[in-house]
């Protein structure tokens, strides 16, 4: 299993979430809170999709 993709997905997802929320809000507290929520939801989805694909392929 190639873990390089997994180690790159987490920081890239965090950066995308932060930049996206920074374009929508102005208050730093709101930006960070929204980015963390979006990051959590995105990572849950990505891990679920990865587990499903791993299960289907096995």
C-alpha atoms as a PDB file:
ATOM      1  CA  UNK A   1       0.000   0.000   0.000  1.00  0.00           C
ATOM      2  CA  UNK A   2       1.333   3.397  -0.985  1.00  0.00           C
ATOM      3  CA  UNK A   3       1.107   5.745   1.991  1.00  0.00           C
ATOM      4  CA  UNK A   4       2.604   8.756   0.218  1.00  0.00           C
ATOM      5  CA  UNK A   5      -0.792   9.676  -1.196  1.00  0.00           C
ATOM      6  CA  UNK A   6      -2.372   9.446   2.258  1.00  0.00           C
ATOM      7  CA  UNK A   7       0.331  11.579   3.852  1.00  0.00           C
ATOM      8  CA  UNK A   8      -0.170  14.246   1.203  1.00  0.00           C
ATOM      9  CA  UNK A   9      -3.979  14.196   1.300  1.00  0.00           C
ATOM     10  CA  UNK A  10      -4.366  15.424   4.896  1.00  0.00           C
ATOM     11  CA  UNK A  11      -2.276  18.631   4.645  1.00  0.00           C
ATOM     12  CA  UNK A  12      -3.622  19.405   1.181  1.00  0.00           C
ATOM     13  CA  UNK A  13      -7.182  19.025   2.427  1.00  0.00           C
ATOM     14  CA  UNK A  14      -6.435  21.326   5.370  1.00  0.00           C
ATOM     15  CA  UNK A  15      -5.010  23.993   3.057  1.00  0.00           C
ATOM     16  CA  UNK A  16      -7.957  23.814   0.664  1.00  0.00           C
ATOM     17  CA  UNK A  17     -10.451  24.079   3.528  1.00  0.00           C
ATOM     18  CA  UNK A  18      -8.622  27.043   5.041  1.00  0.00           C
ATOM     19  CA  UNK A  19      -8.338  28.938   1.756  1.00  0.00           C
ATOM     20  CA  UNK A  20     -11.960  28.238   0.840  1.00  0.00           C
ATOM     21  CA  UNK A  21     -13.318  29.479   4.166  1.00  0.00           C
ATOM     22  CA  UNK A  22     -10.998  32.493   4.120  1.00  0.00           C
ATOM     23  CA  UNK A  23     -12.632  33.625   0.888  1.00  0.00           C
ATOM     24  CA  UNK A  24     -16.092  33.419   2.483  1.00  0.00           C
ATOM     25  CA  UNK A  25     -15.564  35.012   5.919  1.00  0.00           C
ATOM     26  CA  UNK A  26     -13.586  37.917   7.356  1.00  0.00           C
ATOM     27  CA  UNK A  27     -13.300  37.149  11.067  1.00  0.00           C
ATOM     28  CA  UNK A  28     -10.306  34.918  11.909  1.00  0.00           C
ATOM     29  CA  UNK A  29     -12.283  32.981  14.549  1.00  0.00           C
ATOM     30  CA  UNK A  30     -15.045  32.206  12.050  1.00  0.00           C
ATOM     31  CA  UNK A  31     -12.482  31.213   9.401  1.00  0.00           C
ATOM     32  CA  UNK A  32     -10.669  28.784  11.678  1.00  0.00           C
ATOM     33  CA  UNK A  33     -13.857  27.284  13.141  1.00  0.00           C
ATOM     34  CA  UNK A  34     -15.443  26.773   9.726  1.00  0.00           C
ATOM     35  CA  UNK A  35     -12.223  25.394   8.248  1.00  0.00           C
ATOM     36  CA  UNK A  36     -11.889  22.853  11.065  1.00  0.00           C
ATOM     37  CA  UNK A  37     -15.480  21.692  10.637  1.00  0.00           C
ATOM     38  CA  UNK A  38     -15.054  21.410   6.874  1.00  0.00           C
ATOM     39  CA  UNK A  39     -11.736  19.589   7.323  1.00  0.00           C
ATOM     40  CA  UNK A  40     -13.303  17.093   9.697  1.00  0.00           C
ATOM     41  CA  UNK A  41     -16.224  16.370   7.386  1.00  0.00           C
ATOM     42  CA  UNK A  42     -13.942  16.059   4.364  1.00  0.00           C
ATOM     43  CA  UNK A  43     -11.543  13.686   6.117  1.00  0.00           C
ATOM     44  CA  UNK A  44     -14.428  11.497   7.327  1.00  0.00           C
ATOM     45  CA  UNK A  45     -15.686  11.295   3.752  1.00  0.00           C
ATOM     46  CA  UNK A  46     -12.231  10.543   2.316  1.00  0.00           C
ATOM     47  CA  UNK A  47     -11.479   7.847   4.893  1.00  0.00           C
ATOM     48  CA  UNK A  48     -14.911   6.292   4.362  1.00  0.00           C
ATOM     49  CA  UNK A  49     -14.465   6.284   0.598  1.00  0.00           C
ATOM     50  CA  UNK A  50     -10.971   4.797   0.948  1.00  0.00           C
ATOM     51  CA  UNK A  51     -12.246   2.042   3.267  1.00  0.00           C
ATOM     52  CA  UNK A  52     -15.112   1.241   0.924  1.00  0.00           C
ATOM     53  CA  UNK A  53     -12.793   1.010  -2.073  1.00  0.00           C
ATOM     54  CA  UNK A  54     -10.306  -1.081  -0.113  1.00  0.00           C
ATOM     55  CA  UNK A  55     -13.104  -3.449   0.926  1.00  0.00           C
ATOM     56  CA  UNK A  56     -14.464  -3.725  -2.609  1.00  0.00           C
ATOM     57  CA  UNK A  57     -11.032  -4.383  -4.117  1.00  0.00           C
ATOM     58  CA  UNK A  58     -10.156  -7.074  -1.582  1.00  0.00           C
END
